[in-house]
Structure formats: C-alpha cells, structure tokens
C-alpha cells in the first residue's frame, strides 16, 4: 500500500510542476495590432502567431535555434511578445525519446512597424 501511495504522490507532483507558461515582453515598442481578432485573452487585439510542433534534435546537442523569417509573419523582423508553454505531454515525450524529440508550443506577437 505504501509504495503505491508514494508513486501516486510523485506522479501528482510531476503533473503539477510540468505545466507552466513563460511570457517575455519588450518594453520598447508596440505590438502589431489585429483589428479583426476575436480573442478574449491576454492577446486581445494583437496579431498572434502560434506554433505547435515537435522538433527533433540530437542527444549531443545542447541547444536548438528556431529561425523566424521576416516574410513569414513579422514584417518588421522584431518580436514584441514571446510565450513558451510547457505541458506534461511535452515533458513525457522528451523523457520517452531521451530528449531527442520535444514538443514546442510558442505564441509570439511581432512589433508594430514604425515609419
């Protein structure tokens, strides 16, 4: 009975600590507006680009760089807000594949063009 109890407590701790979101915002500049946006969250009225993908990296690699091209989403080439979200599913995928595959959920808002 006791090993099951400890296993359940450890599992609950993993679930609670594995889900978090980090948002980074630039204090200089304004976010790119989107007047047709129907969002009711933090990003109301902003042009948000969402990425939800799985990246593959080598076990020996220490870091990974995802390039955002100017013509794809950001005309200004500058980012105003970046949000990285980590979920239990992403942590579990990384653990099962020994860190070779990682689930990435990113939201970003480009900076408004200045004349």
PDB file of N, CA and C in Angstrom:
ATOM      1  N   UNK A   1       0.820  -1.196   0.000  1.00  0.00           N
ATOM      2  CA  UNK A   1       0.000   0.000   0.000  1.00  0.00           C
ATOM      3  C   UNK A   1       0.865   1.262   0.000  1.00  0.00           C
ATOM      4  N   UNK A   2       1.952   1.275   0.784  1.00  0.00           N
ATOM      5  CA  UNK A   2       2.787   2.464   0.882  1.00  0.00           C
ATOM      6  C   UNK A   2       3.519   2.779  -0.425  1.00  0.00           C
ATOM      7  N   UNK A   3       4.092   1.791  -1.142  1.00  0.00           N
ATOM      8  CA  UNK A   3       4.752   2.140  -2.406  1.00  0.00           C
ATOM      9  C   UNK A   3       3.775   2.749  -3.411  1.00  0.00           C
ATOM     10  N   UNK A   4       2.553   2.288  -3.449  1.00  0.00           N
ATOM     11  CA  UNK A   4       1.553   2.850  -4.350  1.00  0.00           C
ATOM     12  C   UNK A   4       1.238   4.298  -3.970  1.00  0.00           C
ATOM     13  N   UNK A   5       1.184   4.553  -2.683  1.00  0.00           N
ATOM     14  CA  UNK A   5       0.894   5.898  -2.190  1.00  0.00           C
ATOM     15  C   UNK A   5       2.016   6.862  -2.585  1.00  0.00           C
ATOM     16  N   UNK A   6       3.263   6.441  -2.423  1.00  0.00           N
ATOM     17  CA  UNK A   6       4.392   7.287  -2.790  1.00  0.00           C
ATOM     18  C   UNK A   6       4.471   7.496  -4.298  1.00  0.00           C
ATOM     19  N   UNK A   7       4.151   6.473  -5.054  1.00  0.00           N
ATOM     20  CA  UNK A   7       4.145   6.586  -6.511  1.00  0.00           C
ATOM     21  C   UNK A   7       3.075   7.571  -6.967  1.00  0.00           C
ATOM     22  N   UNK A   8       1.916   7.531  -6.349  1.00  0.00           N
ATOM     23  CA  UNK A   8       0.835   8.454  -6.677  1.00  0.00           C
ATOM     24  C   UNK A   8       1.210   9.887  -6.331  1.00  0.00           C
ATOM     25  N   UNK A   9       1.839  10.104  -5.208  1.00  0.00           N
ATOM     26  CA  UNK A   9       2.281  11.443  -4.817  1.00  0.00           C
ATOM     27  C   UNK A   9       3.342  11.963  -5.789  1.00  0.00           C
ATOM     28  N   UNK A  10       4.278  11.129  -6.177  1.00  0.00           N
ATOM     29  CA  UNK A  10       5.313  11.532  -7.131  1.00  0.00           C
ATOM     30  C   UNK A  10       4.708  11.867  -8.491  1.00  0.00           C
ATOM     31  N   UNK A  11       3.741  11.082  -8.922  1.00  0.00           N
ATOM     32  CA  UNK A  11       3.073  11.329 -10.200  1.00  0.00           C
ATOM     33  C   UNK A  11       2.330  12.663 -10.170  1.00  0.00           C
ATOM     34  N   UNK A  12       1.631  12.962  -9.091  1.00  0.00           N
ATOM     35  CA  UNK A  12       0.900  14.235  -8.958  1.00  0.00           C
ATOM     36  C   UNK A  12       1.863  15.417  -8.955  1.00  0.00           C
ATOM     37  N   UNK A  13       2.994  15.269  -8.302  1.00  0.00           N
ATOM     38  CA  UNK A  13       3.992  16.339  -8.286  1.00  0.00           C
ATOM     39  C   UNK A  13       4.532  16.601  -9.689  1.00  0.00           C
ATOM     40  N   UNK A  14       4.753  15.538 -10.461  1.00  0.00           N
ATOM     41  CA  UNK A  14       5.246  15.692 -11.837  1.00  0.00           C
ATOM     42  C   UNK A  14       4.228  16.414 -12.705  1.00  0.00           C
ATOM     43  N   UNK A  15       2.966  16.080 -12.549  1.00  0.00           N
ATOM     44  CA  UNK A  15       1.928  16.716 -13.355  1.00  0.00           C
ATOM     45  C   UNK A  15       1.815  18.197 -13.005  1.00  0.00           C
ATOM     46  N   UNK A  16       1.840  18.517 -11.733  1.00  0.00           N
ATOM     47  CA  UNK A  16       1.669  19.906 -11.323  1.00  0.00           C
ATOM     48  C   UNK A  16       2.862  20.777 -11.687  1.00  0.00           C
ATOM     49  N   UNK A  17       4.064  20.250 -11.631  1.00  0.00           N
ATOM     50  CA  UNK A  17       5.243  21.060 -11.931  1.00  0.00           C
ATOM     51  C   UNK A  17       5.569  21.080 -13.413  1.00  0.00           C
ATOM     52  N   UNK A  18       4.998  20.195 -14.203  1.00  0.00           N
ATOM     53  CA  UNK A  18       5.349  20.109 -15.608  1.00  0.00           C
ATOM     54  C   UNK A  18       4.538  21.054 -16.484  1.00  0.00           C
ATOM     55  N   UNK A  19       3.510  21.677 -15.983  1.00  0.00           N
ATOM     56  CA  UNK A  19       2.680  22.573 -16.774  1.00  0.00           C
ATOM     57  C   UNK A  19       2.935  24.015 -16.353  1.00  0.00           C
ATOM     58  N   UNK A  20       3.571  24.770 -17.218  1.00  0.00           N
ATOM     59  CA  UNK A  20       3.812  26.172 -16.916  1.00  0.00           C
ATOM     60  C   UNK A  20       3.921  26.963 -18.212  1.00  0.00           C
ATOM     61  N   UNK A  21       3.837  28.272 -18.094  1.00  0.00           N
ATOM     62  CA  UNK A  21       3.919  29.168 -19.225  1.00  0.00           C
ATOM     63  C   UNK A  21       4.811  30.342 -18.849  1.00  0.00           C
ATOM     64  N   UNK A  22       5.684  30.735 -19.766  1.00  0.00           N
ATOM     65  CA  UNK A  22       6.584  31.857 -19.549  1.00  0.00           C
ATOM     66  C   UNK A  22       6.340  32.865 -20.666  1.00  0.00           C
ATOM     67  N   UNK A  23       6.118  34.124 -20.290  1.00  0.00           N
ATOM     68  CA  UNK A  23       5.863  35.177 -21.277  1.00  0.00           C
ATOM     69  C   UNK A  23       6.920  36.252 -21.130  1.00  0.00           C
ATOM     70  N   UNK A  24       7.559  36.594 -22.249  1.00  0.00           N
ATOM     71  CA  UNK A  24       8.567  37.650 -22.290  1.00  0.00           C
ATOM     72  C   UNK A  24       8.028  38.783 -23.155  1.00  0.00           C
ATOM     73  N   UNK A  25       8.128  40.022 -22.664  1.00  0.00           N
ATOM     74  CA  UNK A  25       7.582  41.161 -23.396  1.00  0.00           C
ATOM     75  C   UNK A  25       8.614  42.275 -23.480  1.00  0.00           C
ATOM     76  N   UNK A  26       8.687  42.886 -24.638  1.00  0.00           N
ATOM     77  CA  UNK A  26       9.578  44.005 -24.878  1.00  0.00           C
ATOM     78  C   UNK A  26       8.905  45.278 -24.371  1.00  0.00           C
ATOM     79  N   UNK A  27       9.605  46.075 -23.571  1.00  0.00           N
ATOM     80  CA  UNK A  27       9.015  47.302 -23.035  1.00  0.00           C
ATOM     81  C   UNK A  27       9.097  48.450 -24.031  1.00  0.00           C
ATOM     82  N   UNK A  28      10.015  48.368 -24.976  1.00  0.00           N
ATOM     83  CA  UNK A  28      10.157  49.403 -26.003  1.00  0.00           C
ATOM     84  C   UNK A  28       9.467  48.930 -27.271  1.00  0.00           C
ATOM     85  N   UNK A  29       8.466  49.655 -27.712  1.00  0.00           N
ATOM     86  CA  UNK A  29       7.759  49.282 -28.929  1.00  0.00           C
ATOM     87  C   UNK A  29       6.341  48.844 -28.621  1.00  0.00           C
ATOM     88  N   UNK A  30       5.556  48.726 -29.670  1.00  0.00           N
ATOM     89  CA  UNK A  30       4.152  48.349 -29.529  1.00  0.00           C
ATOM     90  C   UNK A  30       3.887  47.067 -30.308  1.00  0.00           C
ATOM     91  N   UNK A  31       2.953  46.248 -29.830  1.00  0.00           N
ATOM     92  CA  UNK A  31       2.628  45.020 -30.557  1.00  0.00           C
ATOM     93  C   UNK A  31       1.872  45.318 -31.842  1.00  0.00           C
ATOM     94  N   UNK A  32       2.037  44.435 -32.803  1.00  0.00           N
ATOM     95  CA  UNK A  32       1.352  44.577 -34.083  1.00  0.00           C
ATOM     96  C   UNK A  32      -0.146  44.349 -33.877  1.00  0.00           C
ATOM     97  N   UNK A  33      -0.989  45.322 -34.225  1.00  0.00           N
ATOM     98  CA  UNK A  33      -2.424  45.174 -33.968  1.00  0.00           C
ATOM     99  C   UNK A  33      -3.119  44.294 -35.002  1.00  0.00           C
ATOM    100  N   UNK A  34      -4.215  43.698 -34.600  1.00  0.00           N
ATOM    101  CA  UNK A  34      -5.088  42.932 -35.476  1.00  0.00           C
ATOM    102  C   UNK A  34      -6.525  43.308 -35.132  1.00  0.00           C
ATOM    103  N   UNK A  35      -7.119  44.235 -35.881  1.00  0.00           N
ATOM    104  CA  UNK A  35      -8.461  44.702 -35.538  1.00  0.00           C
ATOM    105  C   UNK A  35      -9.547  43.644 -35.699  1.00  0.00           C
ATOM    106  N   UNK A  36      -9.269  42.583 -36.437  1.00  0.00           N
ATOM    107  CA  UNK A  36     -10.266  41.548 -36.674  1.00  0.00           C
ATOM    108  C   UNK A  36     -10.147  40.378 -35.702  1.00  0.00           C
ATOM    109  N   UNK A  37      -9.239  40.485 -34.752  1.00  0.00           N
ATOM    110  CA  UNK A  37      -9.037  39.418 -33.776  1.00  0.00           C
ATOM    111  C   UNK A  37     -10.233  39.318 -32.837  1.00  0.00           C
ATOM    112  N   UNK A  38     -10.670  38.099 -32.567  1.00  0.00           N
ATOM    113  CA  UNK A  38     -11.806  37.867 -31.682  1.00  0.00           C
ATOM    114  C   UNK A  38     -11.375  37.194 -30.386  1.00  0.00           C
ATOM    115  N   UNK A  39     -10.143  37.387 -29.995  1.00  0.00           N
ATOM    116  CA  UNK A  39      -9.623  36.770 -28.779  1.00  0.00           C
ATOM    117  C   UNK A  39     -10.091  37.532 -27.548  1.00  0.00           C
ATOM    118  N   UNK A  40     -10.261  36.795 -26.453  1.00  0.00           N
ATOM    119  CA  UNK A  40     -10.646  37.410 -25.185  1.00  0.00           C
ATOM    120  C   UNK A  40      -9.586  37.204 -24.107  1.00  0.00           C
ATOM    121  N   UNK A  41      -8.400  36.773 -24.502  1.00  0.00           N
ATOM    122  CA  UNK A  41      -7.349  36.514 -23.525  1.00  0.00           C
ATOM    123  C   UNK A  41      -6.357  37.687 -23.498  1.00  0.00           C
ATOM    124  N   UNK A  42      -5.177  37.432 -23.035  1.00  0.00           N
ATOM    125  CA  UNK A  42      -4.124  38.447 -22.908  1.00  0.00           C
ATOM    126  C   UNK A  42      -3.819  39.104 -24.255  1.00  0.00           C
ATOM    127  N   UNK A  43      -3.963  38.372 -25.342  1.00  0.00           N
ATOM    128  CA  UNK A  43      -3.577  38.831 -26.672  1.00  0.00           C
ATOM    129  C   UNK A  43      -4.714  39.505 -27.436  1.00  0.00           C
ATOM    130  N   UNK A  44      -5.681  40.057 -26.745  1.00  0.00           N
ATOM    131  CA  UNK A  44      -6.824  40.717 -27.385  1.00  0.00           C
ATOM    132  C   UNK A  44      -6.346  41.886 -28.236  1.00  0.00           C
ATOM    133  N   UNK A  45      -6.750  41.905 -29.508  1.00  0.00           N
ATOM    134  CA  UNK A  45      -6.405  42.987 -30.422  1.00  0.00           C
ATOM    135  C   UNK A  45      -5.012  42.916 -31.001  1.00  0.00           C
ATOM    136  N   UNK A  46      -4.293  41.825 -30.773  1.00  0.00           N
ATOM    137  CA  UNK A  46      -2.932  41.675 -31.284  1.00  0.00           C
ATOM    138  C   UNK A  46      -2.882  40.571 -32.338  1.00  0.00           C
ATOM    139  N   UNK A  47      -1.976  40.722 -33.276  1.00  0.00           N
ATOM    140  CA  UNK A  47      -1.761  39.708 -34.311  1.00  0.00           C
ATOM    141  C   UNK A  47      -0.835  38.636 -33.741  1.00  0.00           C
ATOM    142  N   UNK A  48      -1.406  37.500 -33.357  1.00  0.00           N
ATOM    143  CA  UNK A  48      -0.663  36.435 -32.689  1.00  0.00           C
ATOM    144  C   UNK A  48      -0.325  35.328 -33.687  1.00  0.00           C
ATOM    145  N   UNK A  49       0.898  34.854 -33.632  1.00  0.00           N
ATOM    146  CA  UNK A  49       1.326  33.707 -34.422  1.00  0.00           C
ATOM    147  C   UNK A  49       1.559  32.569 -33.436  1.00  0.00           C
ATOM    148  N   UNK A  50       0.909  31.422 -33.674  1.00  0.00           N
ATOM    149  CA  UNK A  50       1.026  30.273 -32.769  1.00  0.00           C
ATOM    150  C   UNK A  50       1.751  29.134 -33.475  1.00  0.00           C
ATOM    151  N   UNK A  51       2.724  28.573 -32.787  1.00  0.00           N
ATOM    152  CA  UNK A  51       3.463  27.406 -33.273  1.00  0.00           C
ATOM    153  C   UNK A  51       3.217  26.256 -32.318  1.00  0.00           C
ATOM    154  N   UNK A  52       2.801  25.131 -32.850  1.00  0.00           N
ATOM    155  CA  UNK A  52       2.601  23.921 -32.056  1.00  0.00           C
ATOM    156  C   UNK A  52       3.203  22.779 -32.862  1.00  0.00           C
ATOM    157  N   UNK A  53       4.444  22.456 -32.568  1.00  0.00           N
ATOM    158  CA  UNK A  53       5.164  21.482 -33.382  1.00  0.00           C
ATOM    159  C   UNK A  53       6.073  20.628 -32.508  1.00  0.00           C
ATOM    160  N   UNK A  54       6.599  19.586 -33.094  1.00  0.00           N
ATOM    161  CA  UNK A  54       7.568  18.721 -32.428  1.00  0.00           C
ATOM    162  C   UNK A  54       8.898  18.874 -33.157  1.00  0.00           C
ATOM    163  N   UNK A  55       9.933  19.230 -32.422  1.00  0.00           N
ATOM    164  CA  UNK A  55      11.251  19.387 -33.019  1.00  0.00           C
ATOM    165  C   UNK A  55      12.114  18.186 -32.674  1.00  0.00           C
ATOM    166  N   UNK A  56      13.001  17.850 -33.570  1.00  0.00           N
ATOM    167  CA  UNK A  56      13.927  16.742 -33.350  1.00  0.00           C
ATOM    168  C   UNK A  56      15.336  17.300 -33.250  1.00  0.00           C
ATOM    169  N   UNK A  57      16.029  16.951 -32.186  1.00  0.00           N
ATOM    170  CA  UNK A  57      17.416  17.366 -32.010  1.00  0.00           C
ATOM    171  C   UNK A  57      18.240  16.158 -31.580  1.00  0.00           C
ATOM    172  N   UNK A  58      19.524  16.255 -31.803  1.00  0.00           N
ATOM    173  CA  UNK A  58      20.415  15.168 -31.417  1.00  0.00           C
ATOM    174  C   UNK A  58      20.618  15.166 -29.913  1.00  0.00           C
ATOM    175  N   UNK A  59      20.899  14.014 -29.371  1.00  0.00           N
ATOM    176  CA  UNK A  59      21.122  13.891 -27.927  1.00  0.00           C
ATOM    177  C   UNK A  59      22.339  14.701 -27.508  1.00  0.00           C
ATOM    178  N   UNK A  60      23.333  14.791 -28.368  1.00  0.00           N
ATOM    179  CA  UNK A  60      24.558  15.502 -28.022  1.00  0.00           C
ATOM    180  C   UNK A  60      24.423  17.019 -28.123  1.00  0.00           C
ATOM    181  N   UNK A  61      23.346  17.526 -28.756  1.00  0.00           N
ATOM    182  CA  UNK A  61      23.154  18.969 -28.898  1.00  0.00           C
ATOM    183  C   UNK A  61      22.739  19.586 -27.569  1.00  0.00           C
ATOM    184  N   UNK A  62      23.286  20.747 -27.277  1.00  0.00           N
ATOM    185  CA  UNK A  62      22.933  21.441 -26.053  1.00  0.00           C
ATOM    186  C   UNK A  62      21.821  22.453 -26.268  1.00  0.00           C
ATOM    187  N   UNK A  63      21.709  22.980 -27.491  1.00  0.00           N
ATOM    188  CA  UNK A  63      20.680  23.976 -27.748  1.00  0.00           C
ATOM    189  C   UNK A  63      20.100  23.804 -29.148  1.00  0.00           C
ATOM    190  N   UNK A  64      19.014  24.519 -29.393  1.00  0.00           N
ATOM    191  CA  UNK A  64      18.321  24.456 -30.665  1.00  0.00           C
ATOM    192  C   UNK A  64      17.851  25.870 -30.991  1.00  0.00           C
ATOM    193  N   UNK A  65      17.979  26.273 -32.246  1.00  0.00           N
ATOM    194  CA  UNK A  65      17.560  27.603 -32.661  1.00  0.00           C
ATOM    195  C   UNK A  65      16.467  27.473 -33.714  1.00  0.00           C
ATOM    196  N   UNK A  66      15.326  28.116 -33.463  1.00  0.00           N
ATOM    197  CA  UNK A  66      14.247  28.162 -34.435  1.00  0.00           C
ATOM    198  C   UNK A  66      14.260  29.546 -35.063  1.00  0.00           C
ATOM    199  N   UNK A  67      14.398  29.608 -36.380  1.00  0.00           N
ATOM    200  CA  UNK A  67      14.513  30.892 -37.065  1.00  0.00           C
ATOM    201  C   UNK A  67      13.142  31.391 -37.510  1.00  0.00           C
ATOM    202  N   UNK A  68      12.857  32.651 -37.232  1.00  0.00           N
ATOM    203  CA  UNK A  68      11.631  33.295 -37.665  1.00  0.00           C
ATOM    204  C   UNK A  68      12.009  34.253 -38.785  1.00  0.00           C
ATOM    205  N   UNK A  69      11.478  34.014 -39.968  1.00  0.00           N
ATOM    206  CA  UNK A  69      11.833  34.828 -41.128  1.00  0.00           C
ATOM    207  C   UNK A  69      10.909  36.035 -41.229  1.00  0.00           C
ATOM    208  N   UNK A  70      11.439  37.131 -41.743  1.00  0.00           N
ATOM    209  CA  UNK A  70      10.684  38.375 -41.833  1.00  0.00           C
ATOM    210  C   UNK A  70       9.446  38.235 -42.712  1.00  0.00           C
ATOM    211  N   UNK A  71       9.548  37.533 -43.809  1.00  0.00           N
ATOM    212  CA  UNK A  71       8.442  37.459 -44.758  1.00  0.00           C
ATOM    213  C   UNK A  71       7.338  36.519 -44.311  1.00  0.00           C
ATOM    214  N   UNK A  72       7.612  35.594 -43.389  1.00  0.00           N
ATOM    215  CA  UNK A  72       6.596  34.643 -42.953  1.00  0.00           C
ATOM    216  C   UNK A  72       5.530  35.310 -42.099  1.00  0.00           C
ATOM    217  N   UNK A  73       5.918  35.988 -41.047  1.00  0.00           N
ATOM    218  CA  UNK A  73       4.931  36.548 -40.129  1.00  0.00           C
ATOM    219  C   UNK A  73       5.280  37.953 -39.673  1.00  0.00           C
ATOM    220  N   UNK A  74       6.540  38.229 -39.485  1.00  0.00           N
ATOM    221  CA  UNK A  74       6.952  39.526 -38.951  1.00  0.00           C
ATOM    222  C   UNK A  74       7.518  40.409 -40.057  1.00  0.00           C
ATOM    223  N   UNK A  75       6.764  41.402 -40.440  1.00  0.00           N
ATOM    224  CA  UNK A  75       7.250  42.335 -41.449  1.00  0.00           C
ATOM    225  C   UNK A  75       8.367  43.200 -40.898  1.00  0.00           C
ATOM    226  N   UNK A  76       8.279  43.538 -39.623  1.00  0.00           N
ATOM    227  CA  UNK A  76       9.298  44.381 -39.008  1.00  0.00           C
ATOM    228  C   UNK A  76      10.565  43.593 -38.680  1.00  0.00           C
ATOM    229  N   UNK A  77      10.441  42.291 -38.534  1.00  0.00           N
ATOM    230  CA  UNK A  77      11.589  41.470 -38.165  1.00  0.00           C
ATOM    231  C   UNK A  77      11.910  41.514 -36.686  1.00  0.00           C
ATOM    232  N   UNK A  78      11.018  42.118 -35.881  1.00  0.00           N
ATOM    233  CA  UNK A  78      11.236  42.249 -34.444  1.00  0.00           C
ATOM    234  C   UNK A  78      10.084  41.592 -33.697  1.00  0.00           C
ATOM    235  N   UNK A  79      10.395  41.013 -32.552  1.00  0.00           N
ATOM    236  CA  UNK A  79       9.378  40.386 -31.720  1.00  0.00           C
ATOM    237  C   UNK A  79       9.053  41.280 -30.533  1.00  0.00           C
ATOM    238  N   UNK A  80       7.763  41.379 -30.203  1.00  0.00           N
ATOM    239  CA  UNK A  80       7.342  42.182 -29.069  1.00  0.00           C
ATOM    240  C   UNK A  80       7.010  41.302 -27.866  1.00  0.00           C
ATOM    241  N   UNK A  81       6.270  40.210 -28.093  1.00  0.00           N
ATOM    242  CA  UNK A  81       5.891  39.298 -27.015  1.00  0.00           C
ATOM    243  C   UNK A  81       6.189  37.870 -27.459  1.00  0.00           C
ATOM    244  N   UNK A  82       6.763  37.093 -26.552  1.00  0.00           N
ATOM    245  CA  UNK A  82       7.020  35.674 -26.801  1.00  0.00           C
ATOM    246  C   UNK A  82       6.493  34.898 -25.601  1.00  0.00           C
ATOM    247  N   UNK A  83       5.731  33.843 -25.866  1.00  0.00           N
ATOM    248  CA  UNK A  83       5.241  32.981 -24.786  1.00  0.00           C
ATOM    249  C   UNK A  83       5.607  31.540 -25.102  1.00  0.00           C
ATOM    250  N   UNK A  84       6.248  30.898 -24.157  1.00  0.00           N
ATOM    251  CA  UNK A  84       6.627  29.489 -24.270  1.00  0.00           C
ATOM    252  C   UNK A  84       5.803  28.704 -23.268  1.00  0.00           C
ATOM    253  N   UNK A  85       5.157  27.649 -23.730  1.00  0.00           N
ATOM    254  CA  UNK A  85       4.324  26.842 -22.848  1.00  0.00           C
ATOM    255  C   UNK A  85       4.868  25.422 -22.793  1.00  0.00           C
ATOM    256  N   UNK A  86       5.001  24.918 -21.587  1.00  0.00           N
ATOM    257  CA  UNK A  86       5.466  23.559 -21.357  1.00  0.00           C
ATOM    258  C   UNK A  86       4.321  22.773 -20.724  1.00  0.00           C
ATOM    259  N   UNK A  87       4.063  21.596 -21.252  1.00  0.00           N
ATOM    260  CA  UNK A  87       2.979  20.758 -20.734  1.00  0.00           C
ATOM    261  C   UNK A  87       3.525  19.408 -20.298  1.00  0.00           C
ATOM    262  N   UNK A  88       2.699  18.682 -19.589  1.00  0.00           N
ATOM    263  CA  UNK A  88       3.095  17.348 -19.138  1.00  0.00           C
ATOM    264  C   UNK A  88       3.334  16.423 -20.323  1.00  0.00           C
ATOM    265  N   UNK A  89       2.533  16.561 -21.366  1.00  0.00           N
ATOM    266  CA  UNK A  89       2.725  15.745 -22.574  1.00  0.00           C
ATOM    267  C   UNK A  89       4.068  16.003 -23.225  1.00  0.00           C
ATOM    268  N   UNK A  90       4.501  17.260 -23.233  1.00  0.00           N
ATOM    269  CA  UNK A  90       5.805  17.599 -23.794  1.00  0.00           C
ATOM    270  C   UNK A  90       6.942  17.031 -22.979  1.00  0.00           C
ATOM    271  N   UNK A  91       6.816  17.080 -21.666  1.00  0.00           N
ATOM    272  CA  UNK A  91       7.834  16.512 -20.785  1.00  0.00           C
ATOM    273  C   UNK A  91       7.877  14.995 -20.944  1.00  0.00           C
ATOM    274  N   UNK A  92       6.715  14.381 -21.050  1.00  0.00           N
ATOM    275  CA  UNK A  92       6.638  12.930 -21.213  1.00  0.00           C
ATOM    276  C   UNK A  92       7.246  12.489 -22.543  1.00  0.00           C
ATOM    277  N   UNK A  93       6.971  13.227 -23.630  1.00  0.00           N
ATOM    278  CA  UNK A  93       7.558  12.904 -24.934  1.00  0.00           C
ATOM    279  C   UNK A  93       9.071  13.022 -24.888  1.00  0.00           C
ATOM    280  N   UNK A  94       9.568  14.065 -24.250  1.00  0.00           N
ATOM    281  CA  UNK A  94      11.011  14.249 -24.128  1.00  0.00           C
ATOM    282  C   UNK A  94      11.648  13.121 -23.309  1.00  0.00           C
ATOM    283  N   UNK A  95      10.969  12.684 -22.258  1.00  0.00           N
ATOM    284  CA  UNK A  95      11.511  11.611 -21.413  1.00  0.00           C
ATOM    285  C   UNK A  95      11.510  10.276 -22.157  1.00  0.00           C
ATOM    286  N   UNK A  96      10.457   9.998 -22.892  1.00  0.00           N
ATOM    287  CA  UNK A  96      10.365   8.716 -23.617  1.00  0.00           C
ATOM    288  C   UNK A  96      11.406   8.637 -24.731  1.00  0.00           C
ATOM    289  N   UNK A  97      11.658   9.755 -25.414  1.00  0.00           N
ATOM    290  CA  UNK A  97      12.620   9.760 -26.521  1.00  0.00           C
ATOM    291  C   UNK A  97      14.020  10.174 -26.081  1.00  0.00           C
ATOM    292  N   UNK A  98      14.256  10.234 -24.774  1.00  0.00           N
ATOM    293  CA  UNK A  98      15.553  10.611 -24.201  1.00  0.00           C
ATOM    294  C   UNK A  98      16.020  11.976 -24.695  1.00  0.00           C
ATOM    295  N   UNK A  99      15.089  12.909 -24.847  1.00  0.00           N
ATOM    296  CA  UNK A  99      15.418  14.275 -25.208  1.00  0.00           C
ATOM    297  C   UNK A  99      15.586  14.536 -26.685  1.00  0.00           C
ATOM    298  N   UNK A 100      15.391  13.537 -27.531  1.00  0.00           N
ATOM    299  CA  UNK A 100      15.566  13.738 -28.968  1.00  0.00           C
ATOM    300  C   UNK A 100      14.402  14.467 -29.612  1.00  0.00           C
ATOM    301  N   UNK A 101      13.206  14.288 -29.106  1.00  0.00           N
ATOM    302  CA  UNK A 101      12.025  14.978 -29.623  1.00  0.00           C
ATOM    303  C   UNK A 101      11.419  15.814 -28.503  1.00  0.00           C
ATOM    304  N   UNK A 102      11.083  17.032 -28.848  1.00  0.00           N
ATOM    305  CA  UNK A 102      10.493  17.931 -27.855  1.00  0.00           C
ATOM    306  C   UNK A 102       9.298  18.638 -28.467  1.00  0.00           C
ATOM    307  N   UNK A 103       8.234  18.672 -27.698  1.00  0.00           N
ATOM    308  CA  UNK A 103       7.025  19.348 -28.148  1.00  0.00           C
ATOM    309  C   UNK A 103       7.129  20.815 -27.783  1.00  0.00           C
ATOM    310  N   UNK A 104       6.911  21.674 -28.761  1.00  0.00           N
ATOM    311  CA  UNK A 104       7.075  23.103 -28.582  1.00  0.00           C
ATOM    312  C   UNK A 104       5.744  23.799 -28.843  1.00  0.00           C
ATOM    313  N   UNK A 105       5.315  24.607 -27.875  1.00  0.00           N
ATOM    314  CA  UNK A 105       4.133  25.460 -28.041  1.00  0.00           C
ATOM    315  C   UNK A 105       4.585  26.885 -27.798  1.00  0.00           C
ATOM    316  N   UNK A 106       4.573  27.673 -28.853  1.00  0.00           N
ATOM    317  CA  UNK A 106       5.051  29.049 -28.767  1.00  0.00           C
ATOM    318  C   UNK A 106       3.995  29.977 -29.360  1.00  0.00           C
ATOM    319  N   UNK A 107       3.775  31.102 -28.694  1.00  0.00           N
ATOM    320  CA  UNK A 107       2.960  32.187 -29.238  1.00  0.00           C
ATOM    321  C   UNK A 107       3.861  33.407 -29.282  1.00  0.00           C
ATOM    322  N   UNK A 108       3.804  34.134 -30.383  1.00  0.00           N
ATOM    323  CA  UNK A 108       4.561  35.381 -30.430  1.00  0.00           C
ATOM    324  C   UNK A 108       3.791  36.449 -31.185  1.00  0.00           C
ATOM    325  N   UNK A 109       4.070  37.690 -30.817  1.00  0.00           N
ATOM    326  CA  UNK A 109       3.473  38.860 -31.445  1.00  0.00           C
ATOM    327  C   UNK A 109       4.613  39.709 -31.967  1.00  0.00           C
ATOM    328  N   UNK A 110       4.524  40.089 -33.213  1.00  0.00           N
ATOM    329  CA  UNK A 110       5.560  40.919 -33.814  1.00  0.00           C
ATOM    330  C   UNK A 110       5.412  42.364 -33.358  1.00  0.00           C
ATOM    331  N   UNK A 111       6.476  43.101 -33.541  1.00  0.00           N
ATOM    332  CA  UNK A 111       6.443  44.514 -33.180  1.00  0.00           C
ATOM    333  C   UNK A 111       5.854  45.313 -34.332  1.00  0.00           C
ATOM    334  N   UNK A 112       5.143  46.354 -33.995  1.00  0.00           N
ATOM    335  CA  UNK A 112       4.489  47.221 -34.974  1.00  0.00           C
ATOM    336  C   UNK A 112       5.541  47.970 -35.781  1.00  0.00           C
ATOM    337  N   UNK A 113       5.306  48.076 -37.091  1.00  0.00           N
ATOM    338  CA  UNK A 113       6.221  48.818 -37.946  1.00  0.00           C
ATOM    339  C   UNK A 113       6.174  50.296 -37.597  1.00  0.00           C
ATOM    340  N   UNK A 114       7.328  50.927 -37.548  1.00  0.00           N
ATOM    341  CA  UNK A 114       7.393  52.364 -37.280  1.00  0.00           C
ATOM    342  C   UNK A 114       7.854  53.071 -38.549  1.00  0.00           C
ATOM    343  N   UNK A 115       7.285  54.213 -38.800  1.00  0.00           N
ATOM    344  CA  UNK A 115       7.645  54.980 -40.019  1.00  0.00           C
ATOM    345  C   UNK A 115       8.721  55.979 -39.736  1.00  0.00           C
TER     346      UNK A 115
END
